[in-house]
Amino acid sequence: MKIRTWDKVIIMSGKEKDRGQQAEVLKVFVDDNKIIVKWINIATRHIKKQWINPWQIIKMEKAINASNVMLVCPFTNKPTRVGYVKIEEKGKTKKFRFSKRAVKENGWESKKFIIK
């Protein structure tokens, strides 16, 4: 799966109110090919009163299939396909197909350079 935590994605299909929105990925389930996206696919859960805890209504994000989203290119802010490219001394990087640019995946830091 090419989607990682904290990547920006755009919702391509799903609920009508969620379609077309950009958001960050909170959690990735690689085995199930599902992701949890911030403030997308919200479900309401009612929690019953137990002993000293009062009843509650909780809104939470539910998982959606990873095929329903596309990564957003940080350079152009448009949805794009992604590939991986290996650069000699720099290591493996994520390459955005249409902008022809790549981002060095090094923790939280992002280094920009052009791939030809």
PDB file of N, CA and C in Angstrom:
ATOM      1  N   MET A   1       0.844  -1.171   0.000  1.00  0.00           N
ATOM      2  CA  MET A   1       0.000   0.000   0.000  1.00  0.00           C
ATOM      3  C   MET A   1       0.892   1.237   0.000  1.00  0.00           C
ATOM      4  N   LYS A   2       0.570   2.197  -0.849  1.00  0.00           N
ATOM      5  CA  LYS A   2       1.409   3.381  -0.996  1.00  0.00           C
ATOM      6  C   LYS A   2       0.963   4.535  -0.117  1.00  0.00           C
ATOM      7  N   ILE A   3      -0.117   4.357   0.609  1.00  0.00           N
ATOM      8  CA  ILE A   3      -0.621   5.401   1.500  1.00  0.00           C
ATOM      9  C   ILE A   3      -0.060   5.159   2.889  1.00  0.00           C
ATOM     10  N   ARG A   4       0.477   6.205   3.485  1.00  0.00           N
ATOM     11  CA  ARG A   4       1.047   6.124   4.829  1.00  0.00           C
ATOM     12  C   ARG A   4       0.308   7.081   5.754  1.00  0.00           C
ATOM     13  N   THR A   5       0.570   6.946   7.045  1.00  0.00           N
ATOM     14  CA  THR A   5      -0.034   7.831   8.032  1.00  0.00           C
ATOM     15  C   THR A   5       0.431   9.266   7.792  1.00  0.00           C
ATOM     16  N   TRP A   6      -0.457  10.212   7.974  1.00  0.00           N
ATOM     17  CA  TRP A   6      -0.258  11.659   7.822  1.00  0.00           C
ATOM     18  C   TRP A   6      -0.137  12.108   6.366  1.00  0.00           C
ATOM     19  N   ASP A   7      -0.383  11.226   5.395  1.00  0.00           N
ATOM     20  CA  ASP A   7      -0.454  11.656   4.000  1.00  0.00           C
ATOM     21  C   ASP A   7      -1.764  12.398   3.777  1.00  0.00           C
ATOM     22  N   LYS A   8      -1.755  13.372   2.863  1.00  0.00           N
ATOM     23  CA  LYS A   8      -2.990  14.062   2.491  1.00  0.00           C
ATOM     24  C   LYS A   8      -3.627  13.287   1.353  1.00  0.00           C
ATOM     25  N   VAL A   9      -4.929  13.017   1.486  1.00  0.00           N
ATOM     26  CA  VAL A   9      -5.662  12.285   0.456  1.00  0.00           C
ATOM     27  C   VAL A   9      -6.930  13.047   0.101  1.00  0.00           C
ATOM     28  N   ILE A  10      -7.484  12.727  -1.057  1.00  0.00           N
ATOM     29  CA  ILE A  10      -8.775  13.260  -1.474  1.00  0.00           C
ATOM     30  C   ILE A  10      -9.709  12.069  -1.654  1.00  0.00           C
ATOM     31  N   ILE A  11     -10.948  12.217  -1.187  1.00  0.00           N
ATOM     32  CA  ILE A  11     -11.924  11.131  -1.251  1.00  0.00           C
ATOM     33  C   ILE A  11     -12.544  11.129  -2.650  1.00  0.00           C
ATOM     34  N   MET A  12     -12.412  10.002  -3.347  1.00  0.00           N
ATOM     35  CA  MET A  12     -12.914   9.899  -4.709  1.00  0.00           C
ATOM     36  C   MET A  12     -14.314   9.293  -4.762  1.00  0.00           C
ATOM     37  N   SER A  13     -14.614   8.366  -3.852  1.00  0.00           N
ATOM     38  CA  SER A  13     -15.945   7.758  -3.833  1.00  0.00           C
ATOM     39  C   SER A  13     -16.318   7.413  -2.401  1.00  0.00           C
ATOM     40  N   GLY A  14     -17.599   7.258  -2.181  1.00  0.00           N
ATOM     41  CA  GLY A  14     -18.094   6.976  -0.842  1.00  0.00           C
ATOM     42  C   GLY A  14     -19.347   7.791  -0.584  1.00  0.00           C
ATOM     43  N   LYS A  15     -19.527   8.243   0.656  1.00  0.00           N
ATOM     44  CA  LYS A  15     -20.693   9.055   0.992  1.00  0.00           C
ATOM     45  C   LYS A  15     -20.666  10.362   0.208  1.00  0.00           C
ATOM     46  N   GLU A  16     -21.849  10.829  -0.156  1.00  0.00           N
ATOM     47  CA  GLU A  16     -21.936  12.033  -0.994  1.00  0.00           C
ATOM     48  C   GLU A  16     -21.359  13.265  -0.302  1.00  0.00           C
ATOM     49  N   LYS A  17     -21.561  13.380   1.021  1.00  0.00           N
ATOM     50  CA  LYS A  17     -21.049  14.554   1.724  1.00  0.00           C
ATOM     51  C   LYS A  17     -19.534  14.520   1.891  1.00  0.00           C
ATOM     52  N   ASP A  18     -18.918  13.327   1.807  1.00  0.00           N
ATOM     53  CA  ASP A  18     -17.471  13.197   1.968  1.00  0.00           C
ATOM     54  C   ASP A  18     -16.713  13.304   0.647  1.00  0.00           C
ATOM     55  N   ARG A  19     -17.393  13.071  -0.456  1.00  0.00           N
ATOM     56  CA  ARG A  19     -16.747  13.021  -1.757  1.00  0.00           C
ATOM     57  C   ARG A  19     -16.118  14.355  -2.129  1.00  0.00           C
ATOM     58  N   GLY A  20     -14.855  14.336  -2.550  1.00  0.00           N
ATOM     59  CA  GLY A  20     -14.168  15.547  -2.980  1.00  0.00           C
ATOM     60  C   GLY A  20     -13.431  16.285  -1.878  1.00  0.00           C
ATOM     61  N   GLN A  21     -13.503  15.812  -0.641  1.00  0.00           N
ATOM     62  CA  GLN A  21     -12.838  16.489   0.459  1.00  0.00           C
ATOM     63  C   GLN A  21     -11.393  16.012   0.610  1.00  0.00           C
ATOM     64  N   GLN A  22     -10.535  16.918   1.061  1.00  0.00           N
ATOM     65  CA  GLN A  22      -9.144  16.573   1.362  1.00  0.00           C
ATOM     66  C   GLN A  22      -8.989  16.437   2.860  1.00  0.00           C
ATOM     67  N   ALA A  23      -8.227  15.416   3.283  1.00  0.00           N
ATOM     68  CA  ALA A  23      -8.010  15.208   4.712  1.00  0.00           C
ATOM     69  C   ALA A  23      -6.737  14.384   4.907  1.00  0.00           C
ATOM     70  N   GLU A  24      -6.332  14.238   6.181  1.00  0.00           N
ATOM     71  CA  GLU A  24      -5.129  13.473   6.517  1.00  0.00           C
ATOM     72  C   GLU A  24      -5.495  12.062   6.936  1.00  0.00           C
ATOM     73  N   VAL A  25      -4.598  11.135   6.673  1.00  0.00           N
ATOM     74  CA  VAL A  25      -4.787   9.745   7.075  1.00  0.00           C
ATOM     75  C   VAL A  25      -4.325   9.599   8.520  1.00  0.00           C
ATOM     76  N   LEU A  26      -5.188   9.053   9.370  1.00  0.00           N
ATOM     77  CA  LEU A  26      -4.852   8.859  10.779  1.00  0.00           C
ATOM     78  C   LEU A  26      -4.251   7.490  11.048  1.00  0.00           C
ATOM     79  N   LYS A  27      -4.774   6.446  10.378  1.00  0.00           N
ATOM     80  CA  LYS A  27      -4.308   5.091  10.635  1.00  0.00           C
ATOM     81  C   LYS A  27      -4.449   4.257   9.378  1.00  0.00           C
ATOM     82  N   VAL A  28      -3.528   3.316   9.180  1.00  0.00           N
ATOM     83  CA  VAL A  28      -3.528   2.461   8.001  1.00  0.00           C
ATOM     84  C   VAL A  28      -3.577   1.006   8.450  1.00  0.00           C
ATOM     85  N   PHE A  29      -4.517   0.250   7.882  1.00  0.00           N
ATOM     86  CA  PHE A  29      -4.620  -1.190   8.121  1.00  0.00           C
ATOM     87  C   PHE A  29      -4.190  -1.898   6.843  1.00  0.00           C
ATOM     88  N   VAL A  30      -2.940  -2.340   6.789  1.00  0.00           N
ATOM     89  CA  VAL A  30      -2.371  -2.903   5.566  1.00  0.00           C
ATOM     90  C   VAL A  30      -3.019  -4.237   5.220  1.00  0.00           C
ATOM     91  N   ASP A  31      -3.293  -5.073   6.210  1.00  0.00           N
ATOM     92  CA  ASP A  31      -3.861  -6.396   5.948  1.00  0.00           C
ATOM     93  C   ASP A  31      -5.255  -6.321   5.327  1.00  0.00           C
ATOM     94  N   ASP A  32      -6.071  -5.356   5.770  1.00  0.00           N
ATOM     95  CA  ASP A  32      -7.435  -5.226   5.274  1.00  0.00           C
ATOM     96  C   ASP A  32      -7.557  -4.252   4.110  1.00  0.00           C
ATOM     97  N   ASN A  33      -6.475  -3.538   3.767  1.00  0.00           N
ATOM     98  CA  ASN A  33      -6.458  -2.519   2.715  1.00  0.00           C
ATOM     99  C   ASN A  33      -7.453  -1.399   3.045  1.00  0.00           C
ATOM    100  N   LYS A  34      -7.485  -0.989   4.319  1.00  0.00           N
ATOM    101  CA  LYS A  34      -8.388   0.063   4.770  1.00  0.00           C
ATOM    102  C   LYS A  34      -7.606   1.147   5.484  1.00  0.00           C
ATOM    103  N   ILE A  35      -8.184   2.350   5.494  1.00  0.00           N
ATOM    104  CA  ILE A  35      -7.559   3.477   6.175  1.00  0.00           C
ATOM    105  C   ILE A  35      -8.617   4.253   6.959  1.00  0.00           C
ATOM    106  N   ILE A  36      -8.167   4.964   7.986  1.00  0.00           N
ATOM    107  CA  ILE A  36      -9.037   5.877   8.720  1.00  0.00           C
ATOM    108  C   ILE A  36      -8.578   7.291   8.392  1.00  0.00           C
ATOM    109  N   VAL A  37      -9.511   8.100   7.891  1.00  0.00           N
ATOM    110  CA  VAL A  37      -9.217   9.459   7.456  1.00  0.00           C
ATOM    111  C   VAL A  37      -9.888  10.434   8.426  1.00  0.00           C
ATOM    112  N   LYS A  38      -9.182  11.498   8.762  1.00  0.00           N
ATOM    113  CA  LYS A  38      -9.652  12.474   9.745  1.00  0.00           C
ATOM    114  C   LYS A  38     -10.947  13.148   9.283  1.00  0.00           C
ATOM    115  N   TRP A  39     -12.014  13.069  10.106  1.00  0.00           N
ATOM    116  CA  TRP A  39     -13.325  13.664   9.894  1.00  0.00           C
ATOM    117  C   TRP A  39     -14.043  13.169   8.640  1.00  0.00           C
ATOM    118  N   ILE A  40     -13.734  11.961   8.199  1.00  0.00           N
ATOM    119  CA  ILE A  40     -14.412  11.366   7.045  1.00  0.00           C
ATOM    120  C   ILE A  40     -15.070  10.066   7.496  1.00  0.00           C
ATOM    121  N   ASN A  41     -16.263   9.763   6.971  1.00  0.00           N
ATOM    122  CA  ASN A  41     -17.029   8.561   7.305  1.00  0.00           C
ATOM    123  C   ASN A  41     -17.325   8.515   8.808  1.00  0.00           C
ATOM    124  N   ILE A  42     -17.940   9.557   9.318  1.00  0.00           N
ATOM    125  CA  ILE A  42     -18.255   9.690  10.741  1.00  0.00           C
ATOM    126  C   ILE A  42     -19.455   8.808  11.094  1.00  0.00           C
ATOM    127  N   ALA A  43     -19.332   8.064  12.192  1.00  0.00           N
ATOM    128  CA  ALA A  43     -20.424   7.242  12.708  1.00  0.00           C
ATOM    129  C   ALA A  43     -20.714   7.670  14.141  1.00  0.00           C
ATOM    130  N   THR A  44     -21.964   7.542  14.549  1.00  0.00           N
ATOM    131  CA  THR A  44     -22.372   7.894  15.903  1.00  0.00           C
ATOM    132  C   THR A  44     -22.588   6.625  16.708  1.00  0.00           C
ATOM    133  N   ARG A  45     -22.023   6.579  17.896  1.00  0.00           N
ATOM    134  CA  ARG A  45     -22.170   5.425  18.776  1.00  0.00           C
ATOM    135  C   ARG A  45     -22.746   5.886  20.101  1.00  0.00           C
ATOM    136  N   HIS A  46     -23.725   5.155  20.605  1.00  0.00           N
ATOM    137  CA  HIS A  46     -24.321   5.430  21.906  1.00  0.00           C
ATOM    138  C   HIS A  46     -23.743   4.446  22.910  1.00  0.00           C
ATOM    139  N   ILE A  47     -23.182   4.958  23.991  1.00  0.00           N
ATOM    140  CA  ILE A  47     -22.594   4.109  25.025  1.00  0.00           C
ATOM    141  C   ILE A  47     -23.522   4.099  26.232  1.00  0.00           C
ATOM    142  N   LYS A  48     -23.861   2.911  26.668  1.00  0.00           N
ATOM    143  CA  LYS A  48     -24.797   2.703  27.762  1.00  0.00           C
ATOM    144  C   LYS A  48     -24.186   3.108  29.106  1.00  0.00           C
ATOM    145  N   LYS A  49     -25.028   3.547  30.008  1.00  0.00           N
ATOM    146  CA  LYS A  49     -24.576   3.904  31.355  1.00  0.00           C
ATOM    147  C   LYS A  49     -24.109   2.633  32.078  1.00  0.00           C
ATOM    148  N   GLN A  50     -22.917   2.717  32.692  1.00  0.00           N
ATOM    149  CA  GLN A  50     -22.380   1.585  33.446  1.00  0.00           C
ATOM    150  C   GLN A  50     -21.809   2.075  34.762  1.00  0.00           C
ATOM    151  N   TRP A  51     -22.337   1.564  35.839  1.00  0.00           N
ATOM    152  CA  TRP A  51     -21.898   1.845  37.198  1.00  0.00           C
ATOM    153  C   TRP A  51     -21.809   3.345  37.456  1.00  0.00           C
ATOM    154  N   ILE A  52     -20.619   3.949  37.426  1.00  0.00           N
ATOM    155  CA  ILE A  52     -20.523   5.379  37.691  1.00  0.00           C
ATOM    156  C   ILE A  52     -20.354   6.211  36.416  1.00  0.00           C
ATOM    157  N   ASN A  53     -20.127   5.565  35.280  1.00  0.00           N
ATOM    158  CA  ASN A  53     -19.953   6.299  34.021  1.00  0.00           C
ATOM    159  C   ASN A  53     -21.316   6.666  33.441  1.00  0.00           C
ATOM    160  N   PRO A  54     -21.521   7.917  33.059  1.00  0.00           N
ATOM    161  CA  PRO A  54     -22.803   8.296  32.474  1.00  0.00           C
ATOM    162  C   PRO A  54     -22.897   7.820  31.018  1.00  0.00           C
ATOM    163  N   TRP A  55     -24.108   7.865  30.458  1.00  0.00           N
ATOM    164  CA  TRP A  55     -24.262   7.505  29.051  1.00  0.00           C
ATOM    165  C   TRP A  55     -23.615   8.581  28.185  1.00  0.00           C
ATOM    166  N   GLN A  56     -23.190   8.170  26.991  1.00  0.00           N
ATOM    167  CA  GLN A  56     -22.487   9.096  26.098  1.00  0.00           C
ATOM    168  C   GLN A  56     -22.887   8.849  24.653  1.00  0.00           C
ATOM    169  N   ILE A  57     -22.776   9.895  23.870  1.00  0.00           N
ATOM    170  CA  ILE A  57     -22.895   9.776  22.420  1.00  0.00           C
ATOM    171  C   ILE A  57     -21.544  10.171  21.847  1.00  0.00           C
ATOM    172  N   ILE A  58     -20.904   9.234  21.142  1.00  0.00           N
ATOM    173  CA  ILE A  58     -19.555   9.451  20.615  1.00  0.00           C
ATOM    174  C   ILE A  58     -19.602   9.448  19.090  1.00  0.00           C
ATOM    175  N   LYS A  59     -18.946  10.430  18.502  1.00  0.00           N
ATOM    176  CA  LYS A  59     -18.771  10.452  17.040  1.00  0.00           C
ATOM    177  C   LYS A  59     -17.356   9.994  16.744  1.00  0.00           C
ATOM    178  N   MET A  60     -17.215   9.019  15.832  1.00  0.00           N
ATOM    179  CA  MET A  60     -15.899   8.468  15.535  1.00  0.00           C
ATOM    180  C   MET A  60     -15.771   8.190  14.040  1.00  0.00           C
ATOM    181  N   GLU A  61     -14.524   8.168  13.579  1.00  0.00           N
ATOM    182  CA  GLU A  61     -14.255   7.877  12.177  1.00  0.00           C
ATOM    183  C   GLU A  61     -14.239   6.369  11.974  1.00  0.00           C
ATOM    184  N   LYS A  62     -14.859   5.919  10.897  1.00  0.00           N
ATOM    185  CA  LYS A  62     -14.843   4.510  10.537  1.00  0.00           C
ATOM    186  C   LYS A  62     -13.873   4.319   9.378  1.00  0.00           C
ATOM    187  N   ALA A  63     -13.367   3.110   9.216  1.00  0.00           N
ATOM    188  CA  ALA A  63     -12.400   2.807   8.164  1.00  0.00           C
ATOM    189  C   ALA A  63     -13.078   2.787   6.794  1.00  0.00           C
ATOM    190  N   ILE A  64     -12.346   3.251   5.779  1.00  0.00           N
ATOM    191  CA  ILE A  64     -12.814   3.156   4.399  1.00  0.00           C
ATOM    192  C   ILE A  64     -11.752   2.438   3.588  1.00  0.00           C
ATOM    193  N   ASN A  65     -12.159   1.914   2.448  1.00  0.00           N
ATOM    194  CA  ASN A  65     -11.222   1.186   1.600  1.00  0.00           C
ATOM    195  C   ASN A  65     -10.213   2.142   0.985  1.00  0.00           C
ATOM    196  N   ALA A  66      -8.974   1.700   0.896  1.00  0.00           N
ATOM    197  CA  ALA A  66      -7.904   2.560   0.382  1.00  0.00           C
ATOM    198  C   ALA A  66      -8.071   2.850  -1.108  1.00  0.00           C
ATOM    199  N   SER A  67      -8.839   2.030  -1.810  1.00  0.00           N
ATOM    200  CA  SER A  67      -9.042   2.269  -3.239  1.00  0.00           C
ATOM    201  C   SER A  67     -10.002   3.428  -3.488  1.00  0.00           C
ATOM    202  N   ASN A  68     -10.681   3.909  -2.459  1.00  0.00           N
ATOM    203  CA  ASN A  68     -11.621   5.022  -2.607  1.00  0.00           C
ATOM    204  C   ASN A  68     -10.963   6.387  -2.459  1.00  0.00           C
ATOM    205  N   VAL A  69      -9.658   6.427  -2.240  1.00  0.00           N
ATOM    206  CA  VAL A  69      -8.958   7.700  -2.070  1.00  0.00           C
ATOM    207  C   VAL A  69      -7.770   7.776  -3.029  1.00  0.00           C
ATOM    208  N   MET A  70      -7.313   9.009  -3.282  1.00  0.00           N
ATOM    209  CA  MET A  70      -6.084   9.240  -4.050  1.00  0.00           C
ATOM    210  C   MET A  70      -5.203  10.186  -3.262  1.00  0.00           C
ATOM    211  N   LEU A  71      -3.905   9.966  -3.348  1.00  0.00           N
ATOM    212  CA  LEU A  71      -2.962  10.856  -2.690  1.00  0.00           C
ATOM    213  C   LEU A  71      -2.961  12.225  -3.353  1.00  0.00           C
ATOM    214  N   VAL A  72      -2.747  13.251  -2.563  1.00  0.00           N
ATOM    215  CA  VAL A  72      -2.661  14.615  -3.070  1.00  0.00           C
ATOM    216  C   VAL A  72      -1.186  14.981  -3.180  1.00  0.00           C
ATOM    217  N   CYS A  73      -0.782  15.444  -4.353  1.00  0.00           N
ATOM    218  CA  CYS A  73       0.596  15.861  -4.575  1.00  0.00           C
ATOM    219  C   CYS A  73       0.863  17.133  -3.775  1.00  0.00           C
ATOM    220  N   PRO A  74       1.901  17.171  -2.919  1.00  0.00           N
ATOM    221  CA  PRO A  74       2.171  18.366  -2.130  1.00  0.00           C
ATOM    222  C   PRO A  74       2.668  19.547  -2.965  1.00  0.00           C
ATOM    223  N   PHE A  75       3.120  19.280  -4.174  1.00  0.00           N
ATOM    224  CA  PHE A  75       3.645  20.339  -5.030  1.00  0.00           C
ATOM    225  C   PHE A  75       2.538  21.042  -5.813  1.00  0.00           C
ATOM    226  N   THR A  76       1.506  20.280  -6.262  1.00  0.00           N
ATOM    227  CA  THR A  76       0.451  20.858  -7.088  1.00  0.00           C
ATOM    228  C   THR A  76      -0.915  20.882  -6.411  1.00  0.00           C
ATOM    229  N   ASN A  77      -1.074  20.212  -5.270  1.00  0.00           N
ATOM    230  CA  ASN A  77      -2.350  20.089  -4.552  1.00  0.00           C
ATOM    231  C   ASN A  77      -3.452  19.488  -5.416  1.00  0.00           C
ATOM    232  N   LYS A  78      -3.103  18.527  -6.272  1.00  0.00           N
ATOM    233  CA  LYS A  78      -4.070  17.812  -7.095  1.00  0.00           C
ATOM    234  C   LYS A  78      -3.926  16.315  -6.823  1.00  0.00           C
ATOM    235  N   PRO A  79      -5.010  15.544  -6.997  1.00  0.00           N
ATOM    236  CA  PRO A  79      -4.894  14.104  -6.815  1.00  0.00           C
ATOM    237  C   PRO A  79      -4.007  13.499  -7.893  1.00  0.00           C
ATOM    238  N   THR A  80      -3.169  12.556  -7.510  1.00  0.00           N
ATOM    239  CA  THR A  80      -2.226  11.974  -8.451  1.00  0.00           C
ATOM    240  C   THR A  80      -1.903  10.545  -8.082  1.00  0.00           C
ATOM    241  N   ARG A  81      -1.400   9.812  -9.057  1.00  0.00           N
ATOM    242  CA  ARG A  81      -0.920   8.471  -8.790  1.00  0.00           C
ATOM    243  C   ARG A  81       0.504   8.560  -8.257  1.00  0.00           C
ATOM    244  N   VAL A  82       0.943   7.497  -7.582  1.00  0.00           N
ATOM    245  CA  VAL A  82       2.243   7.516  -6.918  1.00  0.00           C
ATOM    246  C   VAL A  82       3.024   6.271  -7.286  1.00  0.00           C
ATOM    247  N   GLY A  83       4.326   6.450  -7.451  1.00  0.00           N
ATOM    248  CA  GLY A  83       5.238   5.335  -7.648  1.00  0.00           C
ATOM    249  C   GLY A  83       6.432   5.513  -6.737  1.00  0.00           C
ATOM    250  N   TYR A  84       7.313   4.546  -6.748  1.00  0.00           N
ATOM    251  CA  TYR A  84       8.527   4.651  -5.954  1.00  0.00           C
ATOM    252  C   TYR A  84       9.725   4.632  -6.877  1.00  0.00           C
ATOM    253  N   VAL A  85      10.725   5.393  -6.521  1.00  0.00           N
ATOM    254  CA  VAL A  85      11.945   5.495  -7.316  1.00  0.00           C
ATOM    255  C   VAL A  85      13.126   5.358  -6.373  1.00  0.00           C
ATOM    256  N   LYS A  86      14.180   4.703  -6.824  1.00  0.00           N
ATOM    257  CA  LYS A  86      15.360   4.549  -5.989  1.00  0.00           C
ATOM    258  C   LYS A  86      16.445   5.476  -6.517  1.00  0.00           C
ATOM    259  N   ILE A  87      16.925   6.344  -5.651  1.00  0.00           N
ATOM    260  CA  ILE A  87      17.992   7.273  -6.001  1.00  0.00           C
ATOM    261  C   ILE A  87      19.248   6.798  -5.292  1.00  0.00           C
ATOM    262  N   GLU A  88      20.355   6.855  -5.985  1.00  0.00           N
ATOM    263  CA  GLU A  88      21.596   6.222  -5.532  1.00  0.00           C
ATOM    264  C   GLU A  88      21.902   6.414  -4.050  1.00  0.00           C
ATOM    265  N   GLU A  89      22.357   7.598  -3.655  1.00  0.00           N
ATOM    266  CA  GLU A  89      22.756   7.784  -2.258  1.00  0.00           C
ATOM    267  C   GLU A  89      21.608   8.264  -1.380  1.00  0.00           C
ATOM    268  N   LYS A  90      20.507   8.703  -1.974  1.00  0.00           N
ATOM    269  CA  LYS A  90      19.404   9.254  -1.198  1.00  0.00           C
ATOM    270  C   LYS A  90      18.435   8.185  -0.712  1.00  0.00           C
ATOM    271  N   GLY A  91      18.381   7.025  -1.349  1.00  0.00           N
ATOM    272  CA  GLY A  91      17.485   5.952  -0.921  1.00  0.00           C
ATOM    273  C   GLY A  91      16.165   5.966  -1.673  1.00  0.00           C
ATOM    274  N   LYS A  92      15.176   5.274  -1.128  1.00  0.00           N
ATOM    275  CA  LYS A  92      13.875   5.129  -1.762  1.00  0.00           C
ATOM    276  C   LYS A  92      13.020   6.365  -1.520  1.00  0.00           C
ATOM    277  N   THR A  93      12.367   6.852  -2.580  1.00  0.00           N
ATOM    278  CA  THR A  93      11.527   8.033  -2.448  1.00  0.00           C
ATOM    279  C   THR A  93      10.182   7.804  -3.114  1.00  0.00           C
ATOM    280  N   LYS A  94       9.202   8.573  -2.701  1.00  0.00           N
ATOM    281  CA  LYS A  94       7.873   8.534  -3.277  1.00  0.00           C
ATOM    282  C   LYS A  94       7.841   9.522  -4.435  1.00  0.00           C
ATOM    283  N   LYS A  95       7.461   9.065  -5.642  1.00  0.00           N
ATOM    284  CA  LYS A  95       7.437   9.925  -6.817  1.00  0.00           C
ATOM    285  C   LYS A  95       5.999  10.135  -7.261  1.00  0.00           C
ATOM    286  N   PHE A  96       5.619  11.392  -7.454  1.00  0.00           N
ATOM    287  CA  PHE A  96       4.284  11.728  -7.922  1.00  0.00           C
ATOM    288  C   PHE A  96       4.311  11.752  -9.433  1.00  0.00           C
ATOM    289  N   ARG A  97       3.403  11.003 -10.092  1.00  0.00           N
ATOM    290  CA  ARG A  97       3.474  10.732 -11.517  1.00  0.00           C
ATOM    291  C   ARG A  97       3.338  11.966 -12.399  1.00  0.00           C
ATOM    292  N   PHE A  98       2.379  12.832 -12.118  1.00  0.00           N
ATOM    293  CA  PHE A  98       2.089  13.918 -13.052  1.00  0.00           C
ATOM    294  C   PHE A  98       2.973  15.136 -12.852  1.00  0.00           C
ATOM    295  N   SER A  99       3.416  15.388 -11.621  1.00  0.00           N
ATOM    296  CA  SER A  99       4.280  16.544 -11.414  1.00  0.00           C
ATOM    297  C   SER A  99       5.749  16.182 -11.621  1.00  0.00           C
ATOM    298  N   LYS A 100       6.053  14.896 -11.769  1.00  0.00           N
ATOM    299  CA  LYS A 100       7.426  14.400 -12.005  1.00  0.00           C
ATOM    300  C   LYS A 100       8.372  14.775 -10.876  1.00  0.00           C
ATOM    301  N   ARG A 101       7.857  14.926  -9.677  1.00  0.00           N
ATOM    302  CA  ARG A 101       8.687  15.272  -8.532  1.00  0.00           C
ATOM    303  C   ARG A 101       8.649  14.144  -7.512  1.00  0.00           C
ATOM    304  N   ALA A 102       9.615  14.172  -6.640  1.00  0.00           N
ATOM    305  CA  ALA A 102       9.691  13.144  -5.611  1.00  0.00           C
ATOM    306  C   ALA A 102       9.942  13.790  -4.259  1.00  0.00           C
ATOM    307  N   VAL A 103       9.555  13.085  -3.207  1.00  0.00           N
ATOM    308  CA  VAL A 103       9.747  13.553  -1.841  1.00  0.00           C
ATOM    309  C   VAL A 103      10.593  12.524  -1.120  1.00  0.00           C
ATOM    310  N   LYS A 104      11.632  12.970  -0.453  1.00  0.00           N
ATOM    311  CA  LYS A 104      12.468  12.074   0.331  1.00  0.00           C
ATOM    312  C   LYS A 104      11.720  11.716   1.598  1.00  0.00           C
ATOM    313  N   GLU A 105      11.493  10.429   1.816  1.00  0.00           N
ATOM    314  CA  GLU A 105      10.790   9.988   3.017  1.00  0.00           C
ATOM    315  C   GLU A 105      11.818   9.770   4.118  1.00  0.00           C
ATOM    316  N   ASN A 106      11.964  10.778   4.968  1.00  0.00           N
ATOM    317  CA  ASN A 106      12.969  10.720   6.021  1.00  0.00           C
ATOM    318  C   ASN A 106      12.328  11.228   7.309  1.00  0.00           C
ATOM    319  N   GLY A 107      11.508  10.387   7.929  1.00  0.00           N
ATOM    320  CA  GLY A 107      10.814  10.814   9.134  1.00  0.00           C
ATOM    321  C   GLY A 107       9.808  11.890   8.795  1.00  0.00           C
ATOM    322  N   TRP A 108       9.806  13.004   9.509  1.00  0.00           N
ATOM    323  CA  TRP A 108       8.878  14.096   9.273  1.00  0.00           C
ATOM    324  C   TRP A 108       9.427  15.103   8.271  1.00  0.00           C
ATOM    325  N   GLU A 109      10.711  14.995   7.940  1.00  0.00           N
ATOM    326  CA  GLU A 109      11.310  15.966   7.022  1.00  0.00           C
ATOM    327  C   GLU A 109      11.021  15.593   5.577  1.00  0.00           C
ATOM    328  N   SER A 110      10.836  16.585   4.733  1.00  0.00           N
ATOM    329  CA  SER A 110      10.622  16.362   3.303  1.00  0.00           C
ATOM    330  C   SER A 110      11.620  17.191   2.530  1.00  0.00           C
ATOM    331  N   LYS A 111      12.402  16.536   1.684  1.00  0.00           N
ATOM    332  CA  LYS A 111      13.342  17.250   0.828  1.00  0.00           C
ATOM    333  C   LYS A 111      12.817  17.150  -0.597  1.00  0.00           C
ATOM    334  N   LYS A 112      12.835  18.280  -1.297  1.00  0.00           N
ATOM    335  CA  LYS A 112      12.283  18.314  -2.654  1.00  0.00           C
ATOM    336  C   LYS A 112      13.422  18.233  -3.663  1.00  0.00           C
ATOM    337  N   PHE A 113      13.230  17.420  -4.682  1.00  0.00           N
ATOM    338  CA  PHE A 113      14.141  17.414  -5.818  1.00  0.00           C
ATOM    339  C   PHE A 113      13.414  16.830  -7.014  1.00  0.00           C
ATOM    340  N   ILE A 114      13.848  17.231  -8.208  1.00  0.00           N
ATOM    341  CA  ILE A 114      13.203  16.865  -9.471  1.00  0.00           C
ATOM    342  C   ILE A 114      13.764  15.525  -9.939  1.00  0.00           C
ATOM    343  N   ILE A 115      12.884  14.653 -10.425  1.00  0.00           N
ATOM    344  CA  ILE A 115      13.275  13.387 -11.031  1.00  0.00           C
ATOM    345  C   ILE A 115      13.034  13.499 -12.534  1.00  0.00           C
ATOM    346  N   LYS A 116      14.014  13.153 -13.323  1.00  0.00           N
ATOM    347  CA  LYS A 116      13.846  13.249 -14.781  1.00  0.00           C
ATOM    348  C   LYS A 116      13.766  11.892 -15.396  1.00  0.00           C
TER     349      LYS A 116
END
